[in-house]
Amino acid sequence: MKIGIIGAGQVGAASGYACVLRGVGSQLVLVDKNADLARAQAEDILHATPFAAPVPVSGGGDYAALENAGIVMIAAGVAQQPGESRLDLLKRNAAVFEDIVPRILDAAPEAILLIASNPVDVMTHMVTHIAARSHGIAPSRIIGSGTILDTARFRALLAAHLGVSSHSVHAYVLGEHGDSEVLHWSGVSVGNMPLTDCAAQLAAPVTEDIRAQIDSGVRRAAARIIAGKGATWFGIGAGMARLAQAIADDEHAIMTCSMLTPDVGGVKNVTLSLPRTVSRSGIGHTLLPPLDNSEKQALAESAKILRAAADSIGF
């Protein structure tokens, strides 16, 4: 499956590089308003293919190069600044999407769009409406990376505390990719066991202090990374490649990704992350895992915040 990437900055390049390392896609095409940057990033990624998957990689500034793409990743937009929340990016990125989404779909009308640009939930909400208005695209074909990275952070930090592989930890982060995200502690399982039971047998109890440390580690990860190097790109690049793999391989994999959802905690038509099946046709089923009362309230609050953000720009 041919994969296009819009935006050849760090996130777009990391996404393409991760695709090559994972062997995702039959061809990669990078497009950027700075055609020289897109070509340079593509050439650099191409030079990694002898050590990974032999995927053809090219780049430039022409949207026509997206023709026949089955997936188009959108990593365009202005960068998040130190101390700036994802929602603060909203109005600065809105105009970018109004311009590029119709151009993408003119070139690749059958593509599934994967959104990485922040604030990703509101950007995904916007793209969903623009794509429906301009080309009649169903919401199931517009997928935001959402909390796929937050979920990975949650699993990685919890695994480190327990001293096990993160692949053995099953845990989700729901809601906004941002400050109001909800760590779904009540649903965590490790090695097919409830967290408390497994942690006790591993002599690594998850106390309230440990929960608070992990919560902060997940929730404040982006701020720490941005303070240190200006932006995040490796983690989200890997997450985008994983989403693309689920689509290209028709996996029906369950991942926490962002999509327009009819009702969440009484909030109508809001775009946020829940566990969803991802396959060649896009998102299939959306799952609502059992939540305790505090998690229900937190998810509803997250939905309200995102709904208000979308309302602020007329979507």
Protein backbone atom coordinates (compact mmCIF):
# COMPACT_ATOMS: atom_id res chain seq x y z
CA MET A 1 0.00 0.00 0.00
CA LYS A 2 1.35 3.41 -1.00
CA ILE A 3 1.69 5.84 1.91
CA GLY A 4 1.87 9.61 1.58
CA ILE A 5 3.18 11.88 4.31
CA ILE A 6 2.24 15.57 4.40
CA GLY A 7 4.78 17.57 6.35
CA ALA A 8 8.45 16.60 6.21
CA GLY A 9 9.45 17.98 9.59
CA GLN A 10 10.54 15.83 12.49
CA VAL A 11 7.20 14.06 13.02
CA GLY A 12 6.63 13.36 9.34
CA ALA A 13 10.20 12.15 8.83
CA ALA A 14 10.08 10.00 11.98
CA SER A 15 6.82 8.46 10.78
CA GLY A 16 8.34 7.60 7.41
CA TYR A 17 11.50 6.25 9.01
CA ALA A 18 9.45 4.09 11.38
CA CYS A 19 7.48 2.73 8.42
CA VAL A 20 10.71 1.69 6.74
CA LEU A 21 12.02 0.03 9.89
CA ARG A 22 8.74 -1.87 10.36
CA GLY A 23 8.37 -2.71 6.67
CA VAL A 24 5.07 -0.86 6.37
CA GLY A 25 3.92 0.19 2.91
CA SER A 26 4.97 -0.56 -0.65
CA GLN A 27 6.04 3.03 -1.34
CA LEU A 28 6.53 6.24 0.68
CA VAL A 29 6.05 9.75 -0.68
CA LEU A 30 6.84 12.86 1.39
CA VAL A 31 5.20 16.18 0.47
CA ASP A 32 6.03 19.54 2.04
CA LYS A 33 5.67 23.20 1.11
CA ASN A 34 9.46 23.17 1.38
CA ALA A 35 10.13 20.76 -1.48
CA ASP A 36 13.86 20.68 -0.77
CA LEU A 37 13.20 19.53 2.79
CA ALA A 38 10.85 16.78 1.59
CA ARG A 39 13.42 15.56 -0.93
CA ALA A 40 16.23 15.63 1.64
CA GLN A 41 14.23 13.73 4.25
CA ALA A 42 13.15 11.18 1.64
CA GLU A 43 16.72 10.63 0.50
CA ASP A 44 17.93 10.23 4.08
CA ILE A 45 15.19 7.67 4.82
CA LEU A 46 15.92 5.86 1.55
CA HIS A 47 19.50 5.35 2.69
CA ALA A 48 18.18 3.37 5.68
CA THR A 49 16.30 0.87 3.50
CA PRO A 50 19.28 -1.50 2.97
CA PHE A 51 19.26 -1.99 6.76
CA ALA A 52 15.48 -2.40 6.99
CA ALA A 53 12.72 -2.90 4.39
CA PRO A 54 13.49 -2.08 0.73
CA VAL A 55 10.69 0.47 0.39
CA PRO A 56 10.97 3.07 -2.40
CA VAL A 57 11.01 6.57 -0.86
CA SER A 58 10.64 9.88 -2.68
CA GLY A 59 9.81 13.46 -1.79
CA GLY A 60 8.92 16.90 -3.10
CA GLY A 61 6.24 19.54 -2.96
CA ASP A 62 3.63 18.24 -5.42
CA TYR A 63 0.34 16.84 -4.07
CA ALA A 64 -0.15 14.97 -7.35
CA ALA A 65 2.53 12.56 -6.12
CA LEU A 66 -0.09 11.21 -3.66
CA GLU A 67 -2.05 9.60 -6.49
CA ASN A 68 -3.19 6.03 -5.58
CA ALA A 69 -2.07 6.39 -1.97
CA GLY A 70 -4.06 4.15 0.38
CA ILE A 71 -2.93 6.07 3.47
CA VAL A 72 -1.98 9.72 3.85
CA MET A 73 -0.41 10.83 7.10
CA ILE A 74 -0.79 14.50 8.00
CA ALA A 75 2.05 15.87 10.11
CA ALA A 76 1.86 19.46 8.86
CA GLY A 77 1.31 22.56 10.94
CA VAL A 78 3.12 24.89 13.28
CA ALA A 79 5.18 23.39 16.10
CA GLN A 80 4.19 23.38 19.75
CA GLN A 81 6.24 25.84 21.78
CA PRO A 82 7.62 25.33 25.31
CA GLY A 83 4.87 26.00 27.82
CA GLU A 84 2.15 26.00 25.15
CA SER A 85 -0.76 23.58 25.57
CA ARG A 86 -2.00 21.56 22.63
CA LEU A 87 -5.25 23.48 22.64
CA ASP A 88 -3.31 26.76 22.37
CA LEU A 89 -2.15 25.55 18.96
CA LEU A 90 -5.71 25.36 17.69
CA LYS A 91 -6.19 28.63 15.88
CA ARG A 92 -2.64 28.69 14.56
CA ASN A 93 -3.11 25.34 12.83
CA ALA A 94 -6.71 25.71 11.66
CA ALA A 95 -5.92 27.62 8.47
CA VAL A 96 -3.29 25.06 7.44
CA PHE A 97 -5.86 22.25 7.36
CA GLU A 98 -8.49 24.22 5.48
CA ASP A 99 -5.93 24.50 2.67
CA ILE A 100 -4.33 21.07 2.55
CA VAL A 101 -7.17 18.58 3.17
CA PRO A 102 -9.04 19.20 -0.11
CA ARG A 103 -5.75 19.08 -2.01
CA ILE A 104 -4.89 15.71 -0.47
CA LEU A 105 -8.29 14.23 -1.32
CA ASP A 106 -8.23 15.60 -4.86
CA ALA A 107 -5.04 13.58 -5.39
CA ALA A 108 -5.91 10.52 -3.29
CA PRO A 109 -9.71 10.30 -2.88
CA GLU A 110 -9.62 6.68 -1.61
CA ALA A 111 -7.01 7.26 1.09
CA ILE A 112 -7.47 6.85 4.81
CA LEU A 113 -6.17 9.97 6.54
CA LEU A 114 -4.02 9.61 9.67
CA ILE A 115 -3.66 12.85 11.63
CA ALA A 116 -0.66 13.58 13.87
CA SER A 117 -0.71 17.39 14.02
CA ASN A 118 -1.54 18.92 17.39
CA PRO A 119 -3.91 19.52 19.03
CA VAL A 120 -4.65 16.20 17.37
CA ASP A 121 -8.21 15.62 18.58
CA VAL A 122 -9.45 19.01 17.42
CA MET A 123 -7.44 18.79 14.21
CA THR A 124 -8.98 15.37 13.53
CA HIS A 125 -12.43 16.81 14.26
CA MET A 126 -11.75 19.60 11.79
CA VAL A 127 -10.41 17.28 9.08
CA THR A 128 -13.45 15.03 9.48
CA HIS A 129 -15.79 17.93 8.74
CA ILE A 130 -13.66 19.37 5.92
CA ALA A 131 -13.33 15.95 4.25
CA ALA A 132 -17.07 15.28 4.54
CA ARG A 133 -17.91 18.69 3.12
CA SER A 134 -15.43 18.64 0.23
CA HIS A 135 -15.40 14.95 -0.77
CA GLY A 136 -18.09 13.11 1.19
CA ILE A 137 -15.55 11.08 3.20
CA ALA A 138 -16.93 9.00 6.08
CA PRO A 139 -15.64 9.71 9.63
CA SER A 140 -14.30 6.14 9.87
CA ARG A 141 -11.63 7.07 7.30
CA ILE A 142 -10.31 10.02 9.34
CA ILE A 143 -8.17 8.75 12.22
CA GLY A 144 -6.26 10.84 14.72
CA SER A 145 -3.23 9.37 16.47
CA GLY A 146 -5.00 10.47 19.66
CA THR A 147 -3.78 8.71 22.78
CA ILE A 148 -1.90 5.90 21.03
CA LEU A 149 1.32 7.51 22.32
CA ASP A 150 -0.06 8.20 25.79
CA THR A 151 -1.15 4.55 25.98
CA ALA A 152 2.38 3.50 25.02
CA ARG A 153 3.84 5.78 27.71
CA PHE A 154 1.43 4.35 30.29
CA ARG A 155 2.38 0.78 29.42
CA ALA A 156 6.10 1.54 29.33
CA LEU A 157 6.19 3.27 32.73
CA LEU A 158 4.02 0.67 34.41
CA ALA A 159 6.13 -2.13 32.92
CA ALA A 160 9.31 -0.47 34.21
CA HIS A 161 7.88 -0.33 37.73
CA LEU A 162 6.79 -3.99 37.59
CA GLY A 163 10.00 -5.19 35.94
CA VAL A 164 8.23 -6.85 33.00
CA SER A 165 8.03 -6.31 29.26
CA SER A 166 5.70 -3.53 28.16
CA HIS A 167 4.24 -6.03 25.69
CA SER A 168 2.77 -7.89 28.68
CA VAL A 169 0.98 -4.80 29.99
CA HIS A 170 -2.52 -4.02 28.72
CA ALA A 171 -3.63 -0.53 29.65
CA TYR A 172 -5.27 2.38 27.88
CA VAL A 173 -5.34 6.16 28.06
CA LEU A 174 -8.70 7.59 26.97
CA GLY A 175 -10.10 10.98 26.00
CA GLU A 176 -7.95 13.93 24.98
CA HIS A 177 -4.35 13.65 23.89
CA GLY A 178 -3.46 16.33 26.37
CA ASP A 179 -4.04 17.63 29.86
CA SER A 180 -7.47 16.07 30.44
CA GLU A 181 -6.52 12.55 29.32
CA VAL A 182 -7.79 9.67 31.47
CA LEU A 183 -5.50 6.82 32.56
CA HIS A 184 -7.77 3.79 32.72
CA TRP A 185 -6.34 2.28 35.88
CA SER A 186 -9.39 0.15 36.65
CA GLY A 187 -8.95 -1.82 33.43
CA VAL A 188 -5.21 -2.57 33.61
CA SER A 189 -4.15 -6.19 33.25
CA VAL A 190 -0.65 -7.67 33.24
CA GLY A 191 0.02 -11.18 31.98
CA ASN A 192 -3.76 -11.76 31.83
CA MET A 193 -4.03 -10.94 35.54
CA PRO A 194 -5.55 -7.92 37.32
CA LEU A 195 -2.88 -5.34 38.06
CA THR A 196 -3.12 -5.64 41.86
CA ASP A 197 -2.72 -9.43 41.82
CA CYS A 198 0.17 -9.41 39.38
CA ALA A 199 1.95 -6.56 41.16
CA ALA A 200 1.71 -8.42 44.47
CA GLN A 201 3.23 -11.58 43.01
CA LEU A 202 6.02 -9.52 41.45
CA ALA A 203 6.68 -7.82 44.81
CA ALA A 204 6.09 -4.46 43.13
CA PRO A 205 2.87 -3.08 44.62
CA VAL A 206 1.28 -0.16 42.82
CA THR A 207 0.66 2.25 45.69
CA GLU A 208 -1.07 5.60 45.43
CA ASP A 209 2.35 7.26 45.26
CA ILE A 210 3.38 4.99 42.38
CA ARG A 211 0.13 5.73 40.58
CA ALA A 212 0.72 9.44 41.01
CA GLN A 213 4.28 9.14 39.67
CA ILE A 214 3.15 7.17 36.62
CA ASP A 215 0.23 9.51 36.00
CA SER A 216 2.58 12.49 36.04
CA GLY A 217 5.09 10.61 33.91
CA VAL A 218 2.45 10.03 31.25
CA ARG A 219 0.57 13.31 31.48
CA ARG A 220 3.66 15.56 31.59
CA ALA A 221 5.83 13.60 29.15
CA ALA A 222 5.35 15.95 26.22
CA ALA A 223 6.10 19.03 28.33
CA ARG A 224 9.33 17.50 29.62
CA ILE A 225 10.48 16.45 26.16
CA ILE A 226 9.59 19.79 24.60
CA ALA A 227 11.49 21.60 27.34
CA GLY A 228 14.55 19.49 26.61
CA LYS A 229 14.63 19.35 22.81
CA GLY A 230 11.80 21.47 21.44
CA ALA A 231 9.37 18.82 20.20
CA THR A 232 8.50 15.12 20.31
CA TRP A 233 8.84 12.90 17.26
CA PHE A 234 10.21 9.39 17.82
CA GLY A 235 7.31 8.08 19.91
CA ILE A 236 4.58 9.52 17.69
CA GLY A 237 6.44 8.44 14.56
CA ALA A 238 6.38 4.85 15.80
CA GLY A 239 2.70 5.17 16.70
CA MET A 240 1.81 6.45 13.23
CA ALA A 241 3.69 3.58 11.62
CA ARG A 242 1.84 1.11 13.84
CA LEU A 243 -1.52 2.57 12.80
CA ALA A 244 -0.50 2.39 9.15
CA GLN A 245 0.54 -1.23 9.59
CA ALA A 246 -2.86 -2.13 11.06
CA ILE A 247 -4.54 -0.56 8.02
CA ALA A 248 -2.23 -1.99 5.39
CA ASP A 249 -2.36 -5.50 6.88
CA ASP A 250 -6.13 -5.35 7.54
CA GLU A 251 -5.47 -6.37 11.15
CA HIS A 252 -8.64 -5.24 12.96
CA ALA A 253 -6.23 -4.35 15.78
CA ILE A 254 -7.60 -2.55 18.84
CA MET A 255 -5.87 0.78 19.45
CA THR A 256 -6.70 4.01 21.24
CA CYS A 257 -7.13 6.48 18.43
CA SER A 258 -9.20 9.59 17.89
CA MET A 259 -12.40 9.72 15.84
CA LEU A 260 -15.65 11.66 15.72
CA THR A 261 -17.92 9.93 18.25
CA PRO A 262 -21.69 10.48 18.51
CA ASP A 263 -21.88 10.57 22.32
CA VAL A 264 -19.34 10.39 25.14
CA GLY A 265 -20.65 10.95 28.66
CA GLY A 266 -23.57 12.96 27.30
CA VAL A 267 -21.35 15.14 25.09
CA LYS A 268 -22.50 14.93 21.47
CA ASN A 269 -20.34 14.68 18.35
CA VAL A 270 -16.94 14.92 20.00
CA THR A 271 -13.61 13.67 18.66
CA LEU A 272 -11.43 11.86 21.20
CA SER A 273 -9.73 8.54 21.84
CA LEU A 274 -11.36 5.27 22.80
CA PRO A 275 -10.26 1.72 21.98
CA ARG A 276 -11.21 1.11 18.34
CA THR A 277 -10.65 -1.60 15.74
CA VAL A 278 -8.37 -0.46 12.91
CA SER A 279 -8.25 -2.23 9.54
CA ARG A 280 -8.03 -1.61 5.80
CA SER A 281 -11.38 0.20 5.76
CA GLY A 282 -10.37 2.49 8.63
CA ILE A 283 -12.08 2.37 12.01
CA GLY A 284 -14.66 -0.37 12.46
CA HIS A 285 -15.92 -0.77 16.01
CA THR A 286 -15.54 1.62 18.92
CA LEU A 287 -15.35 0.06 22.38
CA LEU A 288 -16.24 1.65 25.70
CA PRO A 289 -14.45 -0.31 28.43
CA PRO A 290 -15.95 -0.55 31.92
CA LEU A 291 -14.98 2.55 33.91
CA ASP A 292 -15.19 3.34 37.59
CA ASN A 293 -17.11 6.42 38.65
CA SER A 294 -14.09 8.74 38.77
CA GLU A 295 -13.00 7.61 35.29
CA LYS A 296 -16.50 8.17 33.90
CA GLN A 297 -16.52 11.70 35.28
CA ALA A 298 -13.01 12.41 33.99
CA LEU A 299 -13.83 11.12 30.51
CA ALA A 300 -16.99 13.23 30.36
CA GLU A 301 -14.97 16.29 31.42
CA SER A 302 -12.36 15.56 28.75
CA ALA A 303 -15.14 15.34 26.17
CA LYS A 304 -16.56 18.70 27.30
CA ILE A 305 -13.15 20.37 26.95
CA LEU A 306 -12.69 19.05 23.42
CA ARG A 307 -16.25 19.90 22.38
CA ALA A 308 -15.73 23.47 23.58
CA ALA A 309 -12.46 23.71 21.64
CA ALA A 310 -14.16 22.56 18.45
CA ASP A 311 -17.01 24.99 19.04
CA SER A 312 -14.51 27.85 19.38
CA ILE A 313 -13.55 27.50 15.71
CA GLY A 314 -17.03 26.77 14.40
CA PHE A 315 -16.85 22.99 14.08
